[in-house]
Every structure is written in structure tokens, then in C-alpha cells.
Amino acid sequence: MPSSSPTQIDPEAYWMPFTANRRYKRDPVLFDSADGMYYHRPDGSKVLDGIAGLWCVNAGHRRPEVVQAIAHCADRLDYASSFQMSHPLAFQFAEALCEQAPGELSHVFFSNSGSEAVDTALKIALGYHKARGQGQRVRLIGRERSYHGVGFGGLSVSGIGGHRKNFGNLLPYVDYLPHTYDRSQMAYTRGQPAWGAHLADELERIVALHDASTIAAVIVEPVAGSTGVLVPPQGYLRRLREICDRHGILLIFDEVICAFGRLGAPFASERFGVLPDIVTCAKGLTNGAIPMGATLVRDAVYEAYMDAPEGAIEFSHGYTYSGHPVACAAGLATLAIHQSEGLAQRARELEPYWEDAAHALCGLPGVVDIRNIGLLAAVELEPRAGKPGQRGFGVHQACLAKGSLIRSSGDAMLLSPPLIIEKAQIDELFSTLSEVLRQDA
């Protein structure tokens, strides 16, 4: 029977994502409201959000502008398909988003999540080459330790073994670059490591193995987020761009985490000065308020599709909720907040303070590395012998008990707050983590 109160739940019906369901349901963690930098529990206590929901609430929780835009749109137009018809908000949001994007990223395809944005990008890349008479380019190149969502395409190019091992062979014709992290060379680097640009040259080895004529695209996260905030070495992304250009391979940046101010710029490609052919984004796209994904492409990619016969559907792909009016309304309101409050610039200005606060944890018990860029940070912990991930999850739980939400990924503690964070709240997050690490020793 349904519970009579929202705070009196029977947890069994809900099969939760990326969750140890049996452990969680013995002691559920619940939030029933949120505002600004804080979640609120049913008992009235508040929790400082150190991970922006799940890398997505960049403008802070329950922004009135976004709430009002959603309510107004739902009251006026709850749904309209974008199959052979549409509504004004989809075109307005597409134009506004492309105006914020760098370079020639001037066309956007809407979906409902980062996973769908990635699968869309992979299909666009394959179809692009076919449209240009190079249909033999079917190979996709991912990277070890990468995360590109849970669709079959994104999972196939992802490089986290624990996510893949239960699902068989996935897509064929996939290869992987090595990841970019070597603690012996990079430990406690502030920002981009000086060592590691040469790792991009592994793409030349893959080209030599498979031949460039078979490779459609390379996909990377500019900063690998979920695996533990792996910051790209200086020059690495530029070298990837050069190799892709040399061999006619499309370069895809998965910016589902990095976009919308997280690195102190609207897009990570701007922060690193490297323009990809395709960019995927989601999460901060609507400030997490409504599910939405987007795949932006350069003019040349879009125009290759537009050579199809007149009246033909150029790209046989899409979703029932592509360009959903309420999501577009939320996205437009979110972009307006970013522009009026200068959130990307704010993140860039706070970055030195954030960096100092993170690296102040150097030398604490169990800490073996600290990584940061923009308003992202990871504090890597020494795993307990034979029990990988146990220390990290325990630290996460202890921080939550003290009123700070800090995510664990294995034994890395990940921090990615709303961009509206104040210096005092930065101090609170890292002092809580410091206190817990001292007690965990």
C-alpha cells in the first residue's frame, strides 16, 4: 500500500539507479526540499550541496526564474512533438544555446539526457561519413576510465570496466586510448599537469593498427569527471585535435559535466582552446530541473546531412521528448541566469580560492592525491586493503552526517558545487572533509 506521508516510505518498489539497493533501503537518505546551496531533510536539517545535485545544479537549487518558466510553459503548452512540427521555444532555445557555444558549433539536436546526447553524437558521426561517401568509417575510439552514459553506444565507448562487464560485447569496432592519469608524475598538481601530452600520440598507434579510413570519431571527456576528476595534461587535447584533423576523424567532446561554467567558461572547449566537431551536454543545460540533453555540431557536419534529396528525412533519429517545451523553457531561463549573473566568470574568479582550500588537505591521513580545475576537485584516498571503495563511501557517509554532501567514486572524494557557492561555504565543505579524514585515520 502507498505510504500516507511523503516521509513514511516503503522503499521496495523503487529500483534505484547506480545504488547498492539493499544497503540503502536499510537506512534511506531522503531530501524533501532544496534551496540555493542546500538540501533539506524531512526532519528539517539542512545539507550543504557539494556536488550540485549530480554535477547539474550549477545555478543553485530551486531558482525562481526556472520554476516560474516551467510553470508558465506547462500551463500554456504541456507537450508538442518535434517530428515534422514543433513549437517556438525549441527554436529559441537552440538559437540561444548556439550563440553561447564556441566557434562553428551552430546547430543543435535535442534529447533527454547525457546518455542520449552521446548516442546521438555517435550516430551523427557515423552518418556524417556515410553521407560523404566514406561509409567504411565505422570505428569509434573511446578512452580508458571514461564515462559516456549508459546507452549501448555510450557504454561501448566508455572505459570503466565495472559499468561494462555485465552487458556482453556491446558495440563492435571500438578501441580505446589510454587514460591520462599517472600519479607518480602528477600527484598534487594544481590545474593541468605538465606531464602527459604525449599520451595523445597513442591515437596514431590506433590509426596505424586499424587504418584511418575505418575510423569515424574519437570521443573524450575534456575532464574525466565520474572516474575521479582527471584533468587533461597541458597540450593533450590540442594534440588529439591535430591528429584527428590529419586523418579526417571527427573529434567529440563529452561536456555533460564540464559545460555551463563548471570550468570557468561556458564550455570546456573554450577553457582549453580546442574546438571539437561535436559537443554533448546535459545536466547544467536546464540546471537539473527538467531532463534534457543536447548535441551541438559544427556547420560542416550539419551541411553533410543537408545534401540528402529534397523531402528526405536527413537524420533518422530522435526521441518523443526531443525539444520538449517545458525543458526548453527551463533551459532558456537557466541560460539567462548564467548570463545575468556571470556564473562562468564567477567560477573562474573563485578557482584560486577553491584550489587552495582543496590542496590544504595535502598531508592528511589517507590522502594520496588532490586534483582540481575550475570548481571541480578530487581528493584521492588510499584504499583499505582488499576493500576498494569502502573508505571512500564511509567518508561520504560521515560528511553527510555532518551536513555536507560530498560524492565518493571508489576511494576518490569528488566536489563540484553550485557555482553560486560563497567562500565561507567552500571553507565549510573542505573543513568537514578534513575533520572526517582526521577521524578516519
Protein backbone atom coordinates (compact mmCIF):
# COMPACT_ATOMS: atom_id res chain seq x y z
CA MET A 1 0.00 0.00 0.00
CA PRO A 2 1.26 3.54 -0.69
CA SER A 3 2.55 5.38 2.37
CA SER A 4 0.25 8.01 3.85
CA SER A 5 3.04 10.56 4.20
CA PRO A 6 5.85 11.54 1.82
CA THR A 7 8.34 10.91 4.61
CA GLN A 8 6.88 7.49 5.51
CA ILE A 9 8.05 5.38 2.60
CA ASP A 10 8.12 1.74 1.67
CA PRO A 11 11.37 1.68 -0.33
CA GLU A 12 10.93 -1.70 -2.02
CA ALA A 13 9.04 -0.66 -5.17
CA TYR A 14 11.72 1.73 -6.41
CA TRP A 15 14.72 0.00 -8.08
CA MET A 16 17.29 2.76 -7.69
CA PRO A 17 20.00 3.63 -10.24
CA PHE A 18 23.71 3.16 -9.51
CA THR A 19 22.81 2.27 -5.92
CA ALA A 20 23.50 -0.63 -3.59
CA ASN A 21 19.74 -1.02 -3.14
CA ARG A 22 19.76 -3.45 -0.20
CA ARG A 23 22.22 -1.35 1.78
CA TYR A 24 20.44 1.90 1.00
CA LYS A 25 16.99 0.62 1.89
CA ARG A 26 18.13 -0.39 5.35
CA ASP A 27 18.87 3.27 6.10
CA PRO A 28 17.43 5.57 3.38
CA VAL A 29 18.83 9.05 2.80
CA LEU A 30 16.00 11.40 1.84
CA PHE A 31 15.78 15.06 0.85
CA ASP A 32 12.34 16.64 0.58
CA SER A 33 13.22 20.22 -0.43
CA ALA A 34 16.11 22.32 -1.63
CA ASP A 35 17.05 25.98 -1.90
CA GLY A 36 20.19 27.71 -3.14
CA MET A 37 23.19 25.80 -1.83
CA TYR A 38 21.24 23.44 0.44
CA TYR A 39 19.14 20.33 0.53
CA HIS A 40 16.68 19.89 3.40
CA ARG A 41 15.83 16.61 5.09
CA PRO A 42 12.32 15.66 6.24
CA ASP A 43 13.41 16.37 9.83
CA GLY A 44 14.23 19.98 8.91
CA SER A 45 18.02 19.66 8.98
CA LYS A 46 19.94 21.07 6.03
CA VAL A 47 22.80 19.65 3.96
CA LEU A 48 25.32 21.77 2.07
CA ASP A 49 25.36 20.53 -1.52
CA GLY A 50 28.97 19.94 -2.52
CA ILE A 51 28.21 18.20 -5.81
CA ALA A 52 25.49 20.37 -7.40
CA GLY A 53 22.94 17.59 -7.18
CA LEU A 54 24.82 15.30 -9.55
CA TRP A 55 27.10 17.78 -11.36
CA CYS A 56 23.99 19.58 -12.69
CA VAL A 57 22.50 22.29 -10.43
CA ASN A 58 25.11 24.87 -11.43
CA ALA A 59 22.93 27.92 -10.71
CA GLY A 60 21.77 26.65 -7.31
CA HIS A 61 18.59 24.88 -6.28
CA ARG A 62 15.01 26.00 -6.85
CA ARG A 63 15.80 29.15 -8.76
CA PRO A 64 12.54 31.17 -9.01
CA GLU A 65 13.25 32.11 -12.63
CA VAL A 66 13.44 28.45 -13.65
CA VAL A 67 10.48 27.39 -11.52
CA GLN A 68 8.31 30.15 -12.98
CA ALA A 69 9.37 29.38 -16.56
CA ILE A 70 8.46 25.72 -16.08
CA ALA A 71 5.09 26.52 -14.52
CA HIS A 72 4.19 29.10 -17.17
CA CYS A 73 5.08 26.79 -20.04
CA ALA A 74 3.32 23.74 -18.58
CA ASP A 75 0.20 25.84 -18.09
CA ARG A 76 0.33 27.08 -21.70
CA LEU A 77 1.87 24.20 -23.69
CA ASP A 78 2.47 20.92 -21.87
CA TYR A 79 3.77 18.99 -24.89
CA ALA A 80 4.37 19.28 -28.62
CA SER A 81 6.23 16.82 -30.83
CA SER A 82 9.21 17.86 -32.92
CA PHE A 83 8.56 15.20 -35.56
CA GLN A 84 7.54 17.21 -38.67
CA MET A 85 6.25 20.03 -36.40
CA SER A 86 7.47 21.90 -33.33
CA HIS A 87 6.95 24.98 -31.15
CA PRO A 88 8.72 28.37 -30.83
CA LEU A 89 10.60 27.59 -27.62
CA ALA A 90 12.63 24.81 -29.31
CA PHE A 91 13.95 27.21 -31.94
CA GLN A 92 14.53 29.98 -29.43
CA PHE A 93 16.50 27.73 -27.12
CA ALA A 94 18.50 26.23 -29.99
CA GLU A 95 19.49 29.72 -31.15
CA ALA A 96 20.36 30.90 -27.64
CA LEU A 97 22.43 27.80 -26.94
CA CYS A 98 24.36 28.03 -30.20
CA GLU A 99 25.07 31.70 -29.51
CA GLN A 100 26.79 30.63 -26.28
CA ALA A 101 28.76 27.84 -27.98
CA PRO A 102 32.25 28.47 -29.36
CA GLY A 103 33.31 28.56 -33.00
CA GLU A 104 31.15 26.93 -35.63
CA LEU A 105 29.04 24.86 -33.23
CA SER A 106 25.91 26.39 -34.69
CA HIS A 107 23.38 23.53 -34.87
CA VAL A 108 21.91 21.51 -32.01
CA PHE A 109 19.94 18.26 -31.72
CA PHE A 110 17.90 17.90 -28.51
CA SER A 111 17.46 14.73 -26.47
CA ASN A 112 16.63 13.94 -22.84
CA SER A 113 19.90 13.11 -21.06
CA GLY A 114 23.64 12.98 -21.40
CA SER A 115 23.44 9.31 -22.35
CA GLU A 116 21.10 10.13 -25.22
CA ALA A 117 23.21 13.11 -26.26
CA VAL A 118 26.23 10.81 -26.57
CA ASP A 119 24.39 8.12 -28.51
CA THR A 120 23.12 10.88 -30.79
CA ALA A 121 26.67 12.16 -31.31
CA LEU A 122 27.98 8.71 -32.22
CA LYS A 123 25.19 8.17 -34.75
CA ILE A 124 25.78 11.65 -36.22
CA ALA A 125 29.47 10.81 -36.66
CA LEU A 126 28.76 7.51 -38.41
CA GLY A 127 26.10 9.07 -40.65
CA TYR A 128 28.35 12.02 -41.48
CA HIS A 129 30.98 9.80 -43.04
CA LYS A 130 28.39 7.75 -44.89
CA ALA A 131 26.85 10.92 -46.32
CA ARG A 132 30.30 11.86 -47.63
CA GLY A 133 30.83 8.51 -49.34
CA GLN A 134 33.04 7.07 -46.59
CA GLY A 135 30.67 4.55 -45.07
CA GLN A 136 33.60 2.28 -44.22
CA ARG A 137 34.46 4.65 -41.34
CA VAL A 138 32.64 2.71 -38.65
CA ARG A 139 35.19 2.52 -35.85
CA LEU A 140 34.72 4.58 -32.67
CA ILE A 141 37.59 5.41 -30.32
CA GLY A 142 36.91 5.96 -26.62
CA ARG A 143 39.30 6.20 -23.70
CA GLU A 144 40.07 4.15 -20.62
CA ARG A 145 38.42 5.41 -17.42
CA SER A 146 35.93 7.48 -19.42
CA TYR A 147 32.21 7.70 -18.72
CA HIS A 148 29.81 8.42 -21.58
CA GLY A 149 26.49 7.36 -20.11
CA VAL A 150 24.58 4.11 -20.07
CA GLY A 151 23.14 3.82 -23.58
CA PHE A 152 24.61 0.98 -25.63
CA GLY A 153 26.61 3.43 -27.73
CA GLY A 154 27.95 5.48 -24.84
CA LEU A 155 28.65 2.41 -22.73
CA SER A 156 30.54 0.85 -25.63
CA VAL A 157 32.98 3.76 -25.84
CA SER A 158 33.22 4.16 -22.05
CA GLY A 159 36.27 2.83 -20.29
CA ILE A 160 35.06 1.94 -16.79
CA GLY A 161 35.11 -1.85 -16.57
CA GLY A 162 32.64 -2.14 -13.72
CA HIS A 163 29.95 -0.46 -15.81
CA ARG A 164 30.50 -2.74 -18.81
CA LYS A 165 31.21 -6.22 -17.53
CA ASN A 166 27.61 -7.42 -17.10
CA PHE A 167 26.39 -6.48 -20.58
CA GLY A 168 28.26 -8.63 -23.05
CA ASN A 169 30.03 -7.44 -26.16
CA LEU A 170 28.19 -4.13 -26.67
CA LEU A 171 29.04 -2.38 -29.98
CA PRO A 172 31.70 -3.82 -32.30
CA TYR A 173 34.51 -1.77 -33.89
CA VAL A 174 35.51 0.12 -30.76
CA ASP A 175 39.03 0.80 -29.49
CA TYR A 176 40.39 2.86 -26.60
CA LEU A 177 43.04 5.43 -25.89
CA PRO A 178 44.90 5.03 -22.60
CA HIS A 179 43.72 7.21 -19.74
CA THR A 180 45.79 10.26 -18.87
CA TYR A 181 46.47 9.68 -15.16
CA ASP A 182 49.82 8.70 -13.67
CA ARG A 183 50.07 9.55 -10.00
CA SER A 184 53.84 9.23 -10.00
CA GLN A 185 54.02 12.09 -12.50
CA MET A 186 51.00 14.17 -11.50
CA ALA A 187 50.31 13.92 -7.78
CA TYR A 188 49.05 17.14 -6.20
CA THR A 189 49.11 19.08 -9.47
CA ARG A 190 47.18 22.33 -9.39
CA GLY A 191 45.20 22.58 -12.60
CA GLN A 192 46.56 20.90 -15.73
CA PRO A 193 49.54 18.58 -15.32
CA ALA A 194 52.68 19.46 -17.28
CA TRP A 195 53.33 15.77 -18.00
CA GLY A 196 51.24 13.64 -20.34
CA ALA A 197 50.59 15.41 -23.66
CA HIS A 198 52.40 12.55 -25.41
CA LEU A 199 49.61 10.17 -24.40
CA ALA A 200 47.55 11.63 -27.24
CA ASP A 201 50.05 10.10 -29.65
CA GLU A 202 48.54 6.71 -28.84
CA LEU A 203 45.85 7.72 -31.32
CA GLU A 204 48.49 7.43 -34.06
CA ARG A 205 49.16 3.85 -32.96
CA ILE A 206 45.43 3.06 -33.19
CA VAL A 207 45.29 4.67 -36.64
CA ALA A 208 48.25 2.59 -37.78
CA LEU A 209 46.58 -0.57 -36.46
CA HIS A 210 43.12 -0.07 -37.97
CA ASP A 211 43.85 2.45 -40.78
CA ALA A 212 42.38 5.94 -40.66
CA SER A 213 39.90 5.07 -43.40
CA THR A 214 37.98 2.88 -40.92
CA ILE A 215 37.78 5.37 -38.02
CA ALA A 216 34.74 7.64 -37.67
CA ALA A 217 35.31 9.52 -34.41
CA VAL A 218 37.22 9.92 -31.18
CA ILE A 219 35.21 10.76 -28.06
CA VAL A 220 36.70 12.07 -24.81
CA GLU A 221 35.61 13.99 -21.75
CA PRO A 222 37.77 17.15 -21.64
CA VAL A 223 37.95 16.50 -17.88
CA ALA A 224 37.07 12.93 -16.96
CA GLY A 225 34.59 13.58 -14.16
CA SER A 226 32.89 10.50 -12.76
CA THR A 227 36.07 8.45 -12.70
CA GLY A 228 37.74 10.94 -10.38
CA VAL A 229 38.33 14.39 -11.95
CA LEU A 230 41.21 13.52 -14.27
CA VAL A 231 42.42 16.86 -15.62
CA PRO A 232 43.90 16.76 -19.15
CA PRO A 233 47.66 17.30 -19.43
CA GLN A 234 48.79 20.56 -20.99
CA GLY A 235 48.63 20.25 -24.77
CA TYR A 236 46.91 16.85 -24.76
CA LEU A 237 43.56 17.93 -26.19
CA ARG A 238 45.22 20.12 -28.82
CA ARG A 239 47.34 17.18 -29.95
CA LEU A 240 44.24 14.99 -30.24
CA ARG A 241 42.66 17.70 -32.41
CA GLU A 242 45.72 17.80 -34.68
CA ILE A 243 45.80 14.03 -35.14
CA CYS A 244 42.08 13.87 -35.87
CA ASP A 245 42.45 16.64 -38.46
CA ARG A 246 45.36 14.86 -40.09
CA HIS A 247 43.33 11.69 -40.59
CA GLY A 248 39.82 13.04 -41.26
CA ILE A 249 38.48 11.77 -37.92
CA LEU A 250 35.73 13.65 -36.06
CA LEU A 251 36.53 14.77 -32.51
CA ILE A 252 33.69 14.64 -29.96
CA PHE A 253 33.90 16.34 -26.58
CA ASP A 254 31.54 14.92 -23.97
CA GLU A 255 30.85 18.05 -21.90
CA VAL A 256 27.89 16.69 -19.95
CA ILE A 257 29.75 17.59 -16.75
CA CYS A 258 32.15 20.28 -18.00
CA ALA A 259 29.79 22.68 -19.78
CA PHE A 260 27.86 25.64 -18.37
CA GLY A 261 30.51 27.34 -16.28
CA ARG A 262 31.94 24.40 -14.39
CA LEU A 263 35.47 25.13 -15.64
CA GLY A 264 35.12 28.90 -15.62
CA ALA A 265 33.87 29.14 -19.22
CA PRO A 266 30.53 28.36 -20.88
CA PHE A 267 32.13 25.28 -22.50
CA ALA A 268 35.29 23.33 -21.69
CA SER A 269 36.40 23.68 -25.29
CA GLU A 270 36.76 27.42 -24.62
CA ARG A 271 38.76 26.83 -21.45
CA PHE A 272 41.21 24.60 -23.30
CA GLY A 273 41.21 26.47 -26.61
CA VAL A 274 40.34 23.39 -28.67
CA LEU A 275 37.26 23.26 -30.91
CA PRO A 276 35.76 19.78 -31.41
CA ASP A 277 33.43 18.79 -34.24
CA ILE A 278 30.65 17.69 -31.90
CA VAL A 279 29.86 18.57 -28.27
CA THR A 280 27.44 16.75 -25.99
CA CYS A 281 25.88 18.41 -22.96
CA ALA A 282 23.07 17.88 -20.44
CA LYS A 283 22.99 18.26 -16.62
CA GLY A 284 23.54 22.04 -16.25
CA LEU A 285 21.65 22.63 -19.51
CA THR A 286 18.41 23.09 -17.55
CA ASN A 287 20.02 23.46 -14.10
CA GLY A 288 18.90 19.88 -13.42
CA ALA A 289 15.26 20.95 -13.16
CA ILE A 290 13.95 19.07 -16.23
CA PRO A 291 15.69 16.19 -18.04
CA MET A 292 17.30 17.34 -21.29
CA GLY A 293 20.34 16.64 -23.43
CA ALA A 294 21.85 18.43 -26.40
CA THR A 295 24.32 17.55 -29.14
CA LEU A 296 25.94 20.51 -30.88
CA VAL A 297 27.69 20.14 -34.23
CA ARG A 298 29.87 22.27 -36.47
CA ASP A 299 28.50 23.62 -39.73
CA ALA A 300 30.35 21.09 -41.89
CA VAL A 301 28.79 18.15 -40.04
CA TYR A 302 25.28 19.56 -40.37
CA GLU A 303 25.72 20.51 -44.02
CA ALA A 304 26.85 17.00 -44.93
CA TYR A 305 23.40 15.77 -43.91
CA MET A 306 21.63 18.55 -45.78
CA ASP A 307 22.87 17.16 -49.12
CA ALA A 308 20.15 14.49 -48.89
CA PRO A 309 17.38 14.52 -51.55
CA GLU A 310 14.73 17.21 -51.11
CA GLY A 311 11.90 15.95 -48.86
CA ALA A 312 14.02 13.17 -47.32
CA ILE A 313 14.45 12.86 -43.56
CA GLU A 314 18.13 13.72 -43.32
CA PHE A 315 18.78 12.07 -39.93
CA SER A 316 16.53 9.17 -38.97
CA HIS A 317 16.87 9.66 -35.26
CA GLY A 318 15.03 11.38 -32.42
CA TYR A 319 13.02 10.97 -29.24
CA THR A 320 9.42 11.54 -28.26
CA TYR A 321 10.58 14.30 -25.93
CA SER A 322 13.24 15.90 -28.16
CA GLY A 323 12.93 19.65 -27.67
CA HIS A 324 10.19 19.26 -25.04
CA PRO A 325 8.63 22.71 -24.49
CA VAL A 326 8.93 22.64 -20.71
CA ALA A 327 12.58 21.59 -20.92
CA CYS A 328 13.25 24.37 -23.43
CA ALA A 329 11.60 26.88 -21.09
CA ALA A 330 13.81 25.69 -18.22
CA GLY A 331 16.88 25.88 -20.46
CA LEU A 332 16.18 29.42 -21.61
CA ALA A 333 15.67 30.56 -18.01
CA THR A 334 18.89 28.82 -16.98
CA LEU A 335 20.93 30.45 -19.74
CA ALA A 336 19.51 33.84 -18.74
CA ILE A 337 20.68 33.30 -15.14
CA HIS A 338 24.17 32.33 -16.31
CA GLN A 339 24.40 35.45 -18.43
CA SER A 340 22.91 37.93 -15.95
CA GLU A 341 24.95 36.64 -13.00
CA GLY A 342 28.14 35.85 -14.94
CA LEU A 343 28.38 32.40 -13.36
CA ALA A 344 31.20 31.16 -15.57
CA GLN A 345 33.31 34.21 -14.73
CA ARG A 346 32.38 33.82 -11.08
CA ALA A 347 33.66 30.23 -11.13
CA ARG A 348 36.92 31.38 -12.72
CA GLU A 349 37.37 34.05 -10.06
CA LEU A 350 36.68 31.58 -7.24
CA GLU A 351 39.01 28.95 -8.70
CA PRO A 352 42.20 30.04 -6.85
CA TYR A 353 40.39 30.08 -3.50
CA TRP A 354 38.80 26.70 -4.28
CA GLU A 355 42.19 25.30 -5.31
CA ASP A 356 43.87 26.46 -2.11
CA ALA A 357 41.07 25.00 0.01
CA ALA A 358 41.36 21.64 -1.73
CA HIS A 359 45.15 21.42 -1.54
CA ALA A 360 45.12 22.39 2.14
CA LEU A 361 44.11 18.74 2.70
CA CYS A 362 47.52 17.56 1.46
CA GLY A 363 49.21 15.53 4.18
CA LEU A 364 46.02 14.46 5.95
CA PRO A 365 45.70 10.78 6.86
CA GLY A 366 44.94 8.58 3.87
CA VAL A 367 45.21 11.32 1.23
CA VAL A 368 47.39 10.27 -1.73
CA ASP A 369 46.49 12.90 -4.34
CA ILE A 370 44.45 16.06 -4.91
CA ARG A 371 43.30 17.23 -8.36
CA ASN A 372 41.41 20.38 -9.34
CA ILE A 373 40.32 22.63 -12.17
CA GLY A 374 37.54 25.22 -12.28
CA LEU A 375 35.12 24.40 -9.49
CA LEU A 376 35.94 20.69 -9.65
CA ALA A 377 38.13 18.80 -7.21
CA ALA A 378 39.01 15.24 -6.26
CA VAL A 379 40.69 14.09 -3.07
CA GLU A 380 42.09 10.61 -3.67
CA LEU A 381 42.30 8.29 -0.65
CA GLU A 382 44.40 5.21 -0.06
CA PRO A 383 42.05 2.21 -0.33
CA ARG A 384 41.66 -0.12 2.60
CA ALA A 385 43.50 -3.39 1.94
CA GLY A 386 41.27 -5.75 -0.01
CA LYS A 387 38.27 -3.41 0.27
CA PRO A 388 38.37 -0.89 -2.57
CA GLY A 389 35.74 1.84 -2.27
CA GLN A 390 34.93 1.14 1.37
CA ARG A 391 36.94 4.06 2.73
CA GLY A 392 35.51 6.49 0.19
CA PHE A 393 31.91 5.52 0.89
CA GLY A 394 32.50 5.70 4.63
CA VAL A 395 33.91 9.22 4.30
CA HIS A 396 30.90 10.20 2.15
CA GLN A 397 28.53 8.94 4.86
CA ALA A 398 30.42 10.69 7.65
CA CYS A 399 30.43 14.01 5.77
CA LEU A 400 26.70 13.67 5.14
CA ALA A 401 26.11 13.07 8.83
CA LYS A 402 27.92 16.35 9.47
CA GLY A 403 25.77 18.23 6.97
CA SER A 404 27.92 18.22 3.80
CA LEU A 405 27.16 16.25 0.64
CA ILE A 406 30.44 15.08 -0.92
CA ARG A 407 30.34 12.29 -3.51
CA SER A 408 32.58 9.24 -3.45
CA SER A 409 33.75 7.47 -6.59
CA GLY A 410 35.64 4.43 -5.42
CA ASP A 411 38.10 5.97 -2.98
CA ALA A 412 38.10 9.43 -4.54
CA MET A 413 36.06 12.16 -2.90
CA LEU A 414 34.56 14.39 -5.58
CA LEU A 415 33.46 18.01 -5.14
CA SER A 416 31.53 20.02 -7.73
CA PRO A 417 29.31 22.62 -6.04
CA PRO A 418 26.75 25.01 -7.48
CA LEU A 419 28.59 27.98 -8.98
CA ILE A 420 26.81 30.33 -6.58
CA ILE A 421 28.89 28.96 -3.69
CA GLU A 422 30.39 31.51 -1.29
CA LYS A 423 33.90 31.35 0.18
CA ALA A 424 32.52 30.54 3.62
CA GLN A 425 30.71 27.53 2.14
CA ILE A 426 33.90 26.40 0.39
CA ASP A 427 35.56 26.54 3.80
CA GLU A 428 32.73 24.53 5.32
CA LEU A 429 32.93 21.75 2.70
CA PHE A 430 36.66 21.27 2.97
CA SER A 431 36.80 21.67 6.75
CA THR A 432 34.11 18.99 7.09
CA LEU A 433 36.07 16.69 4.79
CA SER A 434 39.26 17.45 6.71
CA GLU A 435 37.61 16.67 10.04
CA VAL A 436 36.25 13.37 8.76
CA LEU A 437 39.61 12.33 7.29
CA ARG A 438 41.35 13.02 10.61
CA GLN A 439 38.75 10.92 12.42
CA ASP A 440 39.04 8.16 9.79
CA ALA A 441 42.77 7.73 10.40
